[in-house]
Amino acid sequence: MRQLINEHLVSQGIDPKIPPLDLLAPDFMAKVQAHERPRAAASEMEHAIRRHCKIKFNGDPVFYGKLIEKLEALIRRYEEDWDALYRAMLDLQAEAATGRRAETAPGVPVEQQPYHDLLARLAFGNGEILRAAALRMTDVPDDARGKLVALTAEICRIIGGYTGIVSFWDNRFQVGRLRGDLSQAVLYSSIEAMYARYEKIVAELVTLARNRR
């Protein structure tokens, strides 16, 4: 199986013995553009974007999940039109390399966006972070938007209060207290869509906080 995969990569113009390109490397674009065949350049770009999103995913699952969805959509759209696929992936590559740099939800600071988007997806989406249609602010009911912004701020305040404790994540008692405080915040948020699934929401919030420490 390994030999077959290696032969396939070589046919794409990629040497499996060479470490994959880092999307943030200063010479990334120079190395991609060094490929003579558009198919090889497009394939190198695709693999670099996938790898970057995989590495960053746990720290901001909704944002990088959306980038993977965009990548899949481009591949389906252009199929084997390698020139067009490569050009289309340039903007996606820049977005992935830049990361979050601006607000996607009014009133929510950039550093709180991962928590806001996670809450929105779990409450008003289908609960899946990946392989789901990208959640837009318009998908959040009007009467819940302000509540969601307030809840996000409260969630981040609570998490910040605990994660400043020395060796916090190794202290099961303190982590349990964090879960309790987050549960209370979610249940008192007046966002009814969260009530039935608050345990999953709290678990995902704790996981996200741990990954972003």
N, C-alpha and C. Protein backbone atom coordinates (compact mmCIF):
# COMPACT_ATOMS: atom_id res chain seq x y z
N MET A 1 0.84 -1.21 0.00
CA MET A 1 0.00 0.00 0.00
C MET A 1 0.87 1.26 0.00
N ARG A 2 1.94 1.23 0.82
CA ARG A 2 2.83 2.39 0.88
C ARG A 2 3.48 2.64 -0.48
N GLN A 3 3.87 1.53 -1.15
CA GLN A 3 4.51 1.67 -2.47
C GLN A 3 3.54 2.26 -3.47
N LEU A 4 2.28 1.83 -3.43
CA LEU A 4 1.27 2.36 -4.35
C LEU A 4 1.06 3.86 -4.11
N ILE A 5 1.00 4.26 -2.84
CA ILE A 5 0.81 5.68 -2.52
C ILE A 5 2.01 6.49 -3.02
N ASN A 6 3.21 5.97 -2.78
CA ASN A 6 4.41 6.68 -3.24
C ASN A 6 4.44 6.84 -4.75
N GLU A 7 4.05 5.76 -5.46
CA GLU A 7 4.02 5.82 -6.93
C GLU A 7 3.01 6.86 -7.40
N HIS A 8 1.86 6.94 -6.68
CA HIS A 8 0.84 7.93 -7.05
C HIS A 8 1.37 9.34 -6.84
N LEU A 9 2.05 9.58 -5.71
CA LEU A 9 2.59 10.91 -5.42
C LEU A 9 3.64 11.30 -6.45
N VAL A 10 4.49 10.35 -6.82
CA VAL A 10 5.51 10.63 -7.83
C VAL A 10 4.86 11.00 -9.15
N SER A 11 3.74 10.31 -9.48
CA SER A 11 3.05 10.62 -10.74
C SER A 11 2.45 12.01 -10.72
N GLN A 12 2.20 12.54 -9.49
CA GLN A 12 1.69 13.90 -9.35
C GLN A 12 2.81 14.93 -9.38
N GLY A 13 4.05 14.45 -9.39
CA GLY A 13 5.18 15.38 -9.38
C GLY A 13 5.66 15.69 -7.98
N ILE A 14 5.23 14.89 -6.99
CA ILE A 14 5.63 15.11 -5.61
C ILE A 14 6.48 13.94 -5.14
N ASP A 15 7.66 14.24 -4.60
CA ASP A 15 8.56 13.21 -4.10
C ASP A 15 8.19 12.93 -2.64
N PRO A 16 7.68 11.70 -2.33
CA PRO A 16 7.27 11.41 -0.95
C PRO A 16 8.43 11.37 0.03
N LYS A 17 9.68 11.33 -0.45
CA LYS A 17 10.84 11.31 0.42
C LYS A 17 11.19 12.72 0.91
N ILE A 18 10.60 13.73 0.27
CA ILE A 18 10.84 15.11 0.66
C ILE A 18 9.75 15.56 1.63
N PRO A 19 10.10 16.15 2.78
CA PRO A 19 9.09 16.60 3.74
C PRO A 19 8.07 17.51 3.08
N PRO A 20 6.79 17.44 3.48
CA PRO A 20 5.75 18.30 2.88
C PRO A 20 6.05 19.77 3.13
N LEU A 21 5.62 20.60 2.20
CA LEU A 21 5.88 22.04 2.32
C LEU A 21 5.06 22.64 3.45
N ASP A 22 5.68 23.59 4.14
CA ASP A 22 5.01 24.33 5.19
C ASP A 22 4.36 25.56 4.57
N LEU A 23 3.06 25.70 4.77
CA LEU A 23 2.31 26.80 4.16
C LEU A 23 2.86 28.16 4.59
N LEU A 24 3.48 28.23 5.76
CA LEU A 24 3.98 29.50 6.28
C LEU A 24 5.45 29.72 5.98
N ALA A 25 6.09 28.78 5.30
CA ALA A 25 7.51 28.93 4.97
C ALA A 25 7.71 30.11 4.01
N PRO A 26 8.76 30.90 4.21
CA PRO A 26 9.00 32.07 3.33
C PRO A 26 9.13 31.71 1.86
N ASP A 27 9.65 30.52 1.58
CA ASP A 27 9.86 30.12 0.19
C ASP A 27 8.78 29.19 -0.33
N PHE A 28 7.62 29.17 0.36
CA PHE A 28 6.55 28.25 -0.02
C PHE A 28 6.11 28.44 -1.47
N MET A 29 5.75 29.68 -1.83
CA MET A 29 5.24 29.93 -3.18
C MET A 29 6.33 29.66 -4.23
N ALA A 30 7.58 29.98 -3.92
CA ALA A 30 8.66 29.74 -4.88
C ALA A 30 8.79 28.25 -5.17
N LYS A 31 8.65 27.43 -4.14
CA LYS A 31 8.77 25.98 -4.34
C LYS A 31 7.56 25.42 -5.10
N VAL A 32 6.39 25.95 -4.82
CA VAL A 32 5.19 25.49 -5.54
C VAL A 32 5.30 25.87 -7.02
N GLN A 33 5.70 27.11 -7.28
CA GLN A 33 5.78 27.59 -8.66
C GLN A 33 6.94 26.96 -9.43
N ALA A 34 7.84 26.28 -8.72
CA ALA A 34 8.96 25.62 -9.39
C ALA A 34 8.52 24.39 -10.16
N HIS A 35 7.32 23.87 -9.85
CA HIS A 35 6.81 22.71 -10.58
C HIS A 35 6.51 23.12 -12.02
N GLU A 36 6.92 22.30 -12.93
CA GLU A 36 6.70 22.60 -14.35
C GLU A 36 5.28 22.29 -14.77
N ARG A 37 4.67 21.29 -14.13
CA ARG A 37 3.32 20.89 -14.52
C ARG A 37 2.28 21.52 -13.59
N PRO A 38 1.20 22.09 -14.15
CA PRO A 38 0.15 22.69 -13.32
C PRO A 38 -0.45 21.69 -12.34
N ARG A 39 -0.55 20.42 -12.77
CA ARG A 39 -1.12 19.40 -11.90
C ARG A 39 -0.27 19.23 -10.65
N ALA A 40 1.03 19.22 -10.80
CA ALA A 40 1.92 19.05 -9.66
C ALA A 40 1.84 20.26 -8.72
N ALA A 41 1.78 21.47 -9.29
CA ALA A 41 1.68 22.68 -8.48
C ALA A 41 0.37 22.70 -7.70
N ALA A 42 -0.73 22.34 -8.38
CA ALA A 42 -2.04 22.32 -7.72
C ALA A 42 -2.07 21.28 -6.62
N SER A 43 -1.49 20.11 -6.88
CA SER A 43 -1.46 19.04 -5.89
C SER A 43 -0.62 19.44 -4.68
N GLU A 44 0.50 20.07 -4.90
CA GLU A 44 1.36 20.53 -3.80
C GLU A 44 0.62 21.56 -2.95
N MET A 45 -0.08 22.48 -3.62
CA MET A 45 -0.84 23.49 -2.90
C MET A 45 -1.95 22.85 -2.07
N GLU A 46 -2.67 21.90 -2.67
CA GLU A 46 -3.76 21.22 -1.96
C GLU A 46 -3.25 20.53 -0.70
N HIS A 47 -2.17 19.77 -0.83
CA HIS A 47 -1.65 19.03 0.31
C HIS A 47 -1.15 19.97 1.41
N ALA A 48 -0.55 21.09 1.01
CA ALA A 48 -0.06 22.04 2.00
C ALA A 48 -1.21 22.68 2.77
N ILE A 49 -2.30 23.02 2.07
CA ILE A 49 -3.47 23.61 2.74
C ILE A 49 -4.10 22.60 3.69
N ARG A 50 -4.26 21.37 3.23
CA ARG A 50 -4.84 20.32 4.08
C ARG A 50 -4.00 20.12 5.35
N ARG A 51 -2.70 20.02 5.16
CA ARG A 51 -1.81 19.78 6.30
C ARG A 51 -1.87 20.95 7.30
N HIS A 52 -1.86 22.17 6.79
CA HIS A 52 -1.92 23.35 7.65
C HIS A 52 -3.22 23.37 8.44
N CYS A 53 -4.34 23.11 7.77
CA CYS A 53 -5.64 23.12 8.45
C CYS A 53 -5.72 22.01 9.49
N LYS A 54 -5.13 20.86 9.18
CA LYS A 54 -5.13 19.75 10.13
C LYS A 54 -4.36 20.11 11.39
N ILE A 55 -3.21 20.77 11.22
CA ILE A 55 -2.39 21.16 12.37
C ILE A 55 -3.11 22.20 13.22
N LYS A 56 -3.80 23.14 12.57
CA LYS A 56 -4.44 24.25 13.28
C LYS A 56 -5.86 23.94 13.74
N PHE A 57 -6.43 22.86 13.24
CA PHE A 57 -7.85 22.57 13.41
C PHE A 57 -8.32 22.60 14.87
N ASN A 58 -7.62 21.92 15.75
CA ASN A 58 -8.10 21.79 17.13
C ASN A 58 -8.18 23.11 17.87
N GLY A 59 -7.39 24.10 17.45
CA GLY A 59 -7.42 25.40 18.11
C GLY A 59 -8.50 26.33 17.60
N ASP A 60 -9.12 25.99 16.48
CA ASP A 60 -10.20 26.80 15.91
C ASP A 60 -10.95 25.93 14.90
N PRO A 61 -11.69 24.94 15.38
CA PRO A 61 -12.29 23.94 14.49
C PRO A 61 -13.27 24.47 13.46
N VAL A 62 -14.04 25.47 13.82
CA VAL A 62 -15.03 25.98 12.86
C VAL A 62 -14.33 26.71 11.72
N PHE A 63 -13.38 27.57 12.03
CA PHE A 63 -12.68 28.34 11.01
C PHE A 63 -11.93 27.43 10.04
N TYR A 64 -11.14 26.53 10.58
CA TYR A 64 -10.34 25.66 9.71
C TYR A 64 -11.20 24.56 9.08
N GLY A 65 -12.29 24.21 9.74
CA GLY A 65 -13.23 23.29 9.11
C GLY A 65 -13.86 23.89 7.87
N LYS A 66 -14.18 25.19 7.94
CA LYS A 66 -14.73 25.89 6.78
C LYS A 66 -13.72 25.96 5.64
N LEU A 67 -12.44 26.15 5.98
CA LEU A 67 -11.42 26.20 4.93
C LEU A 67 -11.31 24.85 4.21
N ILE A 68 -11.40 23.78 4.97
CA ILE A 68 -11.36 22.45 4.35
C ILE A 68 -12.58 22.25 3.46
N GLU A 69 -13.74 22.73 3.90
CA GLU A 69 -14.95 22.64 3.09
C GLU A 69 -14.78 23.43 1.79
N LYS A 70 -14.18 24.62 1.89
CA LYS A 70 -13.94 25.43 0.69
C LYS A 70 -13.00 24.71 -0.27
N LEU A 71 -11.98 24.08 0.28
CA LEU A 71 -11.02 23.35 -0.55
C LEU A 71 -11.72 22.20 -1.28
N GLU A 72 -12.54 21.46 -0.57
CA GLU A 72 -13.27 20.35 -1.19
C GLU A 72 -14.18 20.86 -2.30
N ALA A 73 -14.81 22.01 -2.06
CA ALA A 73 -15.71 22.58 -3.06
C ALA A 73 -14.94 22.98 -4.33
N LEU A 74 -13.75 23.56 -4.16
CA LEU A 74 -12.94 23.94 -5.31
C LEU A 74 -12.52 22.71 -6.12
N ILE A 75 -12.14 21.66 -5.43
CA ILE A 75 -11.73 20.43 -6.12
C ILE A 75 -12.88 19.86 -6.92
N ARG A 76 -14.08 19.85 -6.32
CA ARG A 76 -15.25 19.34 -7.05
C ARG A 76 -15.60 20.23 -8.24
N ARG A 77 -15.42 21.54 -8.06
CA ARG A 77 -15.81 22.48 -9.12
C ARG A 77 -14.89 22.40 -10.34
N TYR A 78 -13.60 22.32 -10.10
CA TYR A 78 -12.65 22.39 -11.22
C TYR A 78 -12.16 21.02 -11.68
N GLU A 79 -12.42 19.98 -10.88
CA GLU A 79 -12.04 18.61 -11.24
C GLU A 79 -10.60 18.56 -11.75
N GLU A 80 -10.37 18.30 -13.04
CA GLU A 80 -9.01 18.16 -13.55
C GLU A 80 -8.53 19.37 -14.35
N ASP A 81 -9.19 20.49 -14.14
CA ASP A 81 -8.70 21.73 -14.74
C ASP A 81 -7.66 22.30 -13.79
N TRP A 82 -6.43 21.81 -13.90
CA TRP A 82 -5.40 22.09 -12.90
C TRP A 82 -5.01 23.56 -12.84
N ASP A 83 -4.96 24.22 -13.98
CA ASP A 83 -4.63 25.65 -13.99
C ASP A 83 -5.66 26.45 -13.19
N ALA A 84 -6.93 26.19 -13.47
CA ALA A 84 -8.00 26.92 -12.78
C ALA A 84 -8.02 26.58 -11.29
N LEU A 85 -7.80 25.30 -10.97
CA LEU A 85 -7.80 24.89 -9.57
C LEU A 85 -6.66 25.57 -8.80
N TYR A 86 -5.50 25.61 -9.43
CA TYR A 86 -4.35 26.25 -8.77
C TYR A 86 -4.63 27.73 -8.51
N ARG A 87 -5.15 28.44 -9.51
CA ARG A 87 -5.45 29.86 -9.33
C ARG A 87 -6.51 30.08 -8.25
N ALA A 88 -7.50 29.19 -8.22
CA ALA A 88 -8.57 29.33 -7.23
C ALA A 88 -8.05 29.08 -5.81
N MET A 89 -7.05 28.22 -5.69
CA MET A 89 -6.53 27.91 -4.36
C MET A 89 -5.60 28.98 -3.82
N LEU A 90 -5.17 29.91 -4.65
CA LEU A 90 -4.26 30.96 -4.17
C LEU A 90 -4.91 31.80 -3.08
N ASP A 91 -6.17 32.20 -3.29
CA ASP A 91 -6.87 32.98 -2.27
C ASP A 91 -7.07 32.16 -1.00
N LEU A 92 -7.38 30.89 -1.17
CA LEU A 92 -7.58 30.01 -0.01
C LEU A 92 -6.28 29.82 0.76
N GLN A 93 -5.19 29.72 0.03
CA GLN A 93 -3.88 29.59 0.67
C GLN A 93 -3.57 30.83 1.51
N ALA A 94 -3.87 32.00 0.97
CA ALA A 94 -3.63 33.24 1.69
C ALA A 94 -4.50 33.32 2.94
N GLU A 95 -5.75 32.89 2.81
CA GLU A 95 -6.67 32.92 3.95
C GLU A 95 -6.20 31.97 5.05
N ALA A 96 -5.76 30.78 4.64
CA ALA A 96 -5.27 29.80 5.62
C ALA A 96 -4.01 30.30 6.31
N ALA A 97 -3.11 30.90 5.55
CA ALA A 97 -1.85 31.38 6.11
C ALA A 97 -2.08 32.56 7.06
N THR A 98 -3.05 33.40 6.75
CA THR A 98 -3.33 34.58 7.57
C THR A 98 -4.07 34.22 8.85
N GLY A 99 -5.00 33.26 8.76
CA GLY A 99 -5.80 32.90 9.92
C GLY A 99 -6.82 33.98 10.22
N ARG A 100 -7.37 33.94 11.41
CA ARG A 100 -8.37 34.96 11.79
C ARG A 100 -7.68 36.30 12.01
N ARG A 101 -8.14 37.29 11.30
CA ARG A 101 -7.57 38.63 11.47
C ARG A 101 -8.66 39.69 11.59
N ALA A 102 -9.91 39.29 11.43
CA ALA A 102 -11.00 40.26 11.49
C ALA A 102 -12.23 39.61 12.11
N GLU A 103 -13.13 40.44 12.61
CA GLU A 103 -14.36 39.94 13.21
C GLU A 103 -15.26 39.33 12.15
N THR A 104 -15.82 38.17 12.48
CA THR A 104 -16.83 37.56 11.61
C THR A 104 -18.21 37.70 12.21
N ALA A 105 -18.27 38.11 13.48
CA ALA A 105 -19.53 38.36 14.15
C ALA A 105 -19.42 39.72 14.84
N PRO A 106 -20.32 40.65 14.55
CA PRO A 106 -20.26 41.98 15.15
C PRO A 106 -20.24 41.92 16.68
N GLY A 107 -19.36 42.70 17.28
CA GLY A 107 -19.31 42.79 18.73
C GLY A 107 -18.48 41.73 19.41
N VAL A 108 -17.88 40.83 18.64
CA VAL A 108 -17.09 39.75 19.22
C VAL A 108 -15.62 39.96 18.85
N PRO A 109 -14.73 40.18 19.82
CA PRO A 109 -13.30 40.36 19.52
C PRO A 109 -12.74 39.13 18.80
N VAL A 110 -11.71 39.35 18.00
CA VAL A 110 -11.15 38.26 17.20
C VAL A 110 -10.75 37.08 18.06
N GLU A 111 -10.14 37.34 19.22
CA GLU A 111 -9.67 36.23 20.06
C GLU A 111 -10.82 35.41 20.64
N GLN A 112 -12.05 35.96 20.64
CA GLN A 112 -13.20 35.23 21.15
C GLN A 112 -13.98 34.52 20.04
N GLN A 113 -13.63 34.82 18.79
CA GLN A 113 -14.38 34.26 17.66
C GLN A 113 -14.44 32.73 17.65
N PRO A 114 -13.34 32.03 17.96
CA PRO A 114 -13.43 30.57 17.94
C PRO A 114 -14.51 30.02 18.88
N TYR A 115 -14.67 30.65 20.04
CA TYR A 115 -15.69 30.21 20.98
C TYR A 115 -17.09 30.57 20.48
N HIS A 116 -17.22 31.77 19.94
CA HIS A 116 -18.51 32.21 19.40
C HIS A 116 -18.97 31.29 18.28
N ASP A 117 -18.07 31.00 17.35
CA ASP A 117 -18.45 30.18 16.20
C ASP A 117 -18.76 28.75 16.63
N LEU A 118 -18.02 28.25 17.62
CA LEU A 118 -18.30 26.90 18.12
C LEU A 118 -19.68 26.84 18.77
N LEU A 119 -19.99 27.83 19.58
CA LEU A 119 -21.31 27.88 20.22
C LEU A 119 -22.42 27.96 19.17
N ALA A 120 -22.21 28.81 18.16
CA ALA A 120 -23.23 28.98 17.12
C ALA A 120 -23.45 27.69 16.35
N ARG A 121 -22.35 27.02 15.99
CA ARG A 121 -22.47 25.78 15.22
C ARG A 121 -23.18 24.69 16.02
N LEU A 122 -22.80 24.55 17.30
CA LEU A 122 -23.39 23.49 18.11
C LEU A 122 -24.85 23.76 18.45
N ALA A 123 -25.20 25.04 18.60
CA ALA A 123 -26.57 25.38 18.98
C ALA A 123 -27.51 25.46 17.80
N PHE A 124 -27.05 26.05 16.70
CA PHE A 124 -27.94 26.33 15.58
C PHE A 124 -27.59 25.59 14.29
N GLY A 125 -26.43 24.93 14.28
CA GLY A 125 -26.08 24.11 13.13
C GLY A 125 -26.56 22.69 13.38
N ASN A 126 -25.92 21.75 12.69
CA ASN A 126 -26.31 20.35 12.89
C ASN A 126 -25.42 19.66 13.91
N GLY A 127 -24.59 20.46 14.60
CA GLY A 127 -23.75 19.90 15.64
C GLY A 127 -22.42 19.39 15.14
N GLU A 128 -22.24 19.32 13.83
CA GLU A 128 -20.98 18.83 13.28
C GLU A 128 -20.08 20.01 12.93
N ILE A 129 -18.80 19.89 13.29
CA ILE A 129 -17.84 20.95 13.02
C ILE A 129 -17.34 20.87 11.59
N LEU A 130 -17.15 19.66 11.11
CA LEU A 130 -16.62 19.46 9.77
C LEU A 130 -17.65 18.70 8.95
N ARG A 131 -17.52 18.78 7.64
CA ARG A 131 -18.44 18.12 6.71
C ARG A 131 -19.86 18.64 6.89
N ALA A 132 -19.97 19.94 7.08
CA ALA A 132 -21.29 20.56 7.21
C ALA A 132 -21.26 21.91 6.53
N ALA A 133 -22.41 22.37 6.09
CA ALA A 133 -22.48 23.68 5.43
C ALA A 133 -21.98 24.76 6.38
N ALA A 134 -21.20 25.68 5.86
CA ALA A 134 -20.63 26.74 6.69
C ALA A 134 -21.73 27.58 7.32
N LEU A 135 -21.64 27.74 8.65
CA LEU A 135 -22.64 28.51 9.36
C LEU A 135 -22.38 29.99 9.18
N ARG A 136 -23.38 30.72 8.79
CA ARG A 136 -23.27 32.16 8.63
C ARG A 136 -24.00 32.84 9.79
N MET A 137 -23.66 34.10 10.03
CA MET A 137 -24.36 34.83 11.09
C MET A 137 -25.86 34.87 10.84
N THR A 138 -26.26 34.86 9.55
CA THR A 138 -27.68 34.92 9.24
C THR A 138 -28.39 33.64 9.66
N ASP A 139 -27.65 32.57 9.96
CA ASP A 139 -28.26 31.33 10.40
C ASP A 139 -28.61 31.37 11.89
N VAL A 140 -28.06 32.35 12.61
CA VAL A 140 -28.38 32.51 14.02
C VAL A 140 -29.64 33.39 14.11
N PRO A 141 -30.68 32.94 14.78
CA PRO A 141 -31.92 33.73 14.88
C PRO A 141 -31.64 35.13 15.43
N ASP A 142 -32.39 36.10 14.93
CA ASP A 142 -32.17 37.48 15.34
C ASP A 142 -32.24 37.66 16.86
N ASP A 143 -33.20 36.97 17.50
CA ASP A 143 -33.38 37.16 18.93
C ASP A 143 -32.29 36.48 19.76
N ALA A 144 -31.41 35.72 19.10
CA ALA A 144 -30.36 35.02 19.84
C ALA A 144 -28.98 35.63 19.62
N ARG A 145 -28.85 36.53 18.66
CA ARG A 145 -27.52 37.05 18.33
C ARG A 145 -26.88 37.81 19.49
N GLY A 146 -27.63 38.73 20.08
CA GLY A 146 -27.09 39.49 21.20
C GLY A 146 -26.79 38.58 22.38
N LYS A 147 -27.64 37.61 22.63
CA LYS A 147 -27.43 36.66 23.73
C LYS A 147 -26.18 35.83 23.49
N LEU A 148 -25.96 35.47 22.23
CA LEU A 148 -24.80 34.65 21.89
C LEU A 148 -23.50 35.44 22.09
N VAL A 149 -23.52 36.71 21.72
CA VAL A 149 -22.35 37.57 21.93
C VAL A 149 -22.05 37.70 23.42
N ALA A 150 -23.11 37.91 24.21
CA ALA A 150 -22.94 38.05 25.67
C ALA A 150 -22.44 36.75 26.29
N LEU A 151 -22.99 35.63 25.82
CA LEU A 151 -22.56 34.34 26.35
C LEU A 151 -21.09 34.07 26.00
N THR A 152 -20.70 34.43 24.80
CA THR A 152 -19.30 34.23 24.39
C THR A 152 -18.36 35.00 25.30
N ALA A 153 -18.70 36.24 25.61
CA ALA A 153 -17.87 37.06 26.49
C ALA A 153 -17.79 36.44 27.89
N GLU A 154 -18.93 35.94 28.37
CA GLU A 154 -18.95 35.31 29.70
C GLU A 154 -18.15 34.02 29.71
N ILE A 155 -18.27 33.23 28.67
CA ILE A 155 -17.51 31.98 28.56
C ILE A 155 -16.01 32.28 28.61
N CYS A 156 -15.57 33.26 27.83
CA CYS A 156 -14.15 33.60 27.79
C CYS A 156 -13.67 34.17 29.12
N ARG A 157 -14.54 34.91 29.81
CA ARG A 157 -14.17 35.44 31.13
C ARG A 157 -13.97 34.29 32.11
N ILE A 158 -14.88 33.33 32.09
CA ILE A 158 -14.77 32.19 33.00
C ILE A 158 -13.51 31.38 32.71
N ILE A 159 -13.29 31.07 31.45
CA ILE A 159 -12.12 30.28 31.08
C ILE A 159 -10.84 31.00 31.46
N GLY A 160 -10.78 32.31 31.19
CA GLY A 160 -9.60 33.08 31.54
C GLY A 160 -9.31 33.09 33.03
N GLY A 161 -10.37 33.06 33.83
CA GLY A 161 -10.19 33.05 35.28
C GLY A 161 -9.58 31.77 35.80
N TYR A 162 -9.83 30.67 35.11
CA TYR A 162 -9.29 29.38 35.54
C TYR A 162 -7.93 29.07 34.95
N THR A 163 -7.76 29.38 33.68
CA THR A 163 -6.52 28.97 33.01
C THR A 163 -5.29 29.73 33.49
N GLY A 164 -5.51 30.77 34.30
CA GLY A 164 -4.37 31.47 34.90
C GLY A 164 -3.79 30.73 36.09
N ILE A 165 -4.51 29.71 36.57
CA ILE A 165 -4.04 28.91 37.70
C ILE A 165 -2.87 28.04 37.25
N VAL A 166 -1.83 27.99 38.05
CA VAL A 166 -0.64 27.19 37.72
C VAL A 166 -1.02 25.71 37.58
N SER A 167 -0.57 25.08 36.49
CA SER A 167 -0.84 23.66 36.21
C SER A 167 -2.34 23.35 36.25
N PHE A 168 -3.13 24.30 35.77
CA PHE A 168 -4.58 24.14 35.84
C PHE A 168 -5.08 22.85 35.19
N TRP A 169 -4.61 22.54 34.00
CA TRP A 169 -5.15 21.39 33.26
C TRP A 169 -4.77 20.05 33.88
N ASP A 170 -3.85 20.07 34.81
CA ASP A 170 -3.49 18.84 35.53
C ASP A 170 -4.28 18.70 36.83
N ASN A 171 -5.10 19.68 37.14
CA ASN A 171 -5.88 19.68 38.38
C ASN A 171 -7.32 19.29 38.07
N ARG A 172 -7.67 18.04 38.27
CA ARG A 172 -8.99 17.53 37.91
C ARG A 172 -10.10 18.25 38.67
N PHE A 173 -9.83 18.63 39.92
CA PHE A 173 -10.86 19.32 40.70
C PHE A 173 -11.18 20.68 40.08
N GLN A 174 -10.15 21.42 39.72
CA GLN A 174 -10.37 22.74 39.13
C GLN A 174 -11.01 22.63 37.74
N VAL A 175 -10.62 21.64 36.98
CA VAL A 175 -11.25 21.43 35.66
C VAL A 175 -12.72 21.11 35.85
N GLY A 176 -13.04 20.34 36.88
CA GLY A 176 -14.45 20.04 37.18
C GLY A 176 -15.23 21.29 37.54
N ARG A 177 -14.60 22.18 38.28
CA ARG A 177 -15.24 23.45 38.62
C ARG A 177 -15.49 24.29 37.37
N LEU A 178 -14.50 24.28 36.46
CA LEU A 178 -14.67 25.01 35.19
C LEU A 178 -15.88 24.47 34.44
N ARG A 179 -16.00 23.16 34.35
CA ARG A 179 -17.15 22.56 33.67
C ARG A 179 -18.46 23.01 34.31
N GLY A 180 -18.47 23.05 35.64
CA GLY A 180 -19.69 23.47 36.35
C GLY A 180 -20.06 24.91 36.06
N ASP A 181 -19.07 25.78 36.08
CA ASP A 181 -19.33 27.21 35.80
C ASP A 181 -19.78 27.42 34.36
N LEU A 182 -19.17 26.68 33.42
CA LEU A 182 -19.58 26.79 32.02
C LEU A 182 -21.00 26.27 31.83
N SER A 183 -21.34 25.18 32.50
CA SER A 183 -22.70 24.64 32.41
C SER A 183 -23.71 25.67 32.90
N GLN A 184 -23.40 26.32 34.00
CA GLN A 184 -24.30 27.33 34.55
C GLN A 184 -24.46 28.49 33.58
N ALA A 185 -23.36 28.93 32.97
CA ALA A 185 -23.43 30.05 32.03
C ALA A 185 -24.29 29.70 30.82
N VAL A 186 -24.13 28.50 30.30
CA VAL A 186 -24.91 28.08 29.13
C VAL A 186 -26.39 27.98 29.49
N LEU A 187 -26.71 27.38 30.64
CA LEU A 187 -28.11 27.19 31.02
C LEU A 187 -28.80 28.49 31.41
N TYR A 188 -28.03 29.49 31.84
CA TYR A 188 -28.61 30.78 32.20
C TYR A 188 -28.53 31.80 31.06
N SER A 189 -28.14 31.34 29.88
CA SER A 189 -27.96 32.24 28.74
C SER A 189 -29.26 32.67 28.08
N SER A 190 -30.34 31.99 28.40
CA SER A 190 -31.66 32.22 27.78
C SER A 190 -31.67 31.86 26.30
N ILE A 191 -30.71 31.03 25.86
CA ILE A 191 -30.70 30.53 24.49
C ILE A 191 -31.24 29.11 24.53
N GLU A 192 -32.51 28.95 24.23
CA GLU A 192 -33.17 27.67 24.42
C GLU A 192 -32.56 26.55 23.57
N ALA A 193 -32.00 26.90 22.42
CA ALA A 193 -31.43 25.88 21.54
C ALA A 193 -30.27 25.15 22.20
N MET A 194 -29.71 25.71 23.25
CA MET A 194 -28.55 25.10 23.90
C MET A 194 -28.93 24.17 25.05
N TYR A 195 -30.15 24.28 25.55
CA TYR A 195 -30.51 23.56 26.76
C TYR A 195 -30.37 22.05 26.62
N ALA A 196 -30.90 21.50 25.54
CA ALA A 196 -30.95 20.05 25.38
C ALA A 196 -29.56 19.44 25.15
N ARG A 197 -28.63 20.24 24.64
CA ARG A 197 -27.31 19.72 24.31
C ARG A 197 -26.20 20.43 25.08
N TYR A 198 -26.54 20.97 26.24
CA TYR A 198 -25.56 21.77 26.98
C TYR A 198 -24.33 20.95 27.40
N GLU A 199 -24.53 19.65 27.69
CA GLU A 199 -23.40 18.84 28.12
C GLU A 199 -22.36 18.71 27.00
N LYS A 200 -22.83 18.49 25.78
CA LYS A 200 -21.91 18.41 24.63
C LYS A 200 -21.24 19.76 24.40
N ILE A 201 -22.01 20.83 24.52
CA ILE A 201 -21.46 22.17 24.32
C ILE A 201 -20.35 22.45 25.32
N VAL A 202 -20.60 22.13 26.59
CA VAL A 202 -19.59 22.37 27.62
C VAL A 202 -18.34 21.52 27.37
N ALA A 203 -18.54 20.27 26.99
CA ALA A 203 -17.41 19.40 26.70
C ALA A 203 -16.56 19.96 25.57
N GLU A 204 -17.22 20.47 24.52
CA GLU A 204 -16.49 21.03 23.38
C GLU A 204 -15.78 22.32 23.77
N LEU A 205 -16.40 23.13 24.62
CA LEU A 205 -15.77 24.37 25.07
C LEU A 205 -14.50 24.08 25.87
N VAL A 206 -14.57 23.09 26.75
CA VAL A 206 -13.40 22.72 27.55
C VAL A 206 -12.28 22.20 26.64
N THR A 207 -12.66 21.38 25.68
CA THR A 207 -11.66 20.85 24.74
C THR A 207 -11.00 21.97 23.95
N LEU A 208 -11.81 22.93 23.49
CA LEU A 208 -11.27 24.06 22.74
C LEU A 208 -10.33 24.89 23.62
N ALA A 209 -10.74 25.15 24.85
CA ALA A 209 -9.89 25.93 25.77
C ALA A 209 -8.57 25.22 26.02
N ARG A 210 -8.62 23.91 26.16
CA ARG A 210 -7.40 23.13 26.40
C ARG A 210 -6.48 23.21 25.19
N ASN A 211 -7.05 23.11 24.01
CA ASN A 211 -6.26 23.15 22.78
C ASN A 211 -5.66 24.52 22.52
N ARG A 212 -6.31 25.58 23.00
CA ARG A 212 -5.85 26.94 22.75
C ARG A 212 -4.97 27.48 23.87
N ARG A 213 -4.68 26.67 24.85
CA ARG A 213 -3.90 27.16 26.01
C ARG A 213 -2.53 27.65 25.56
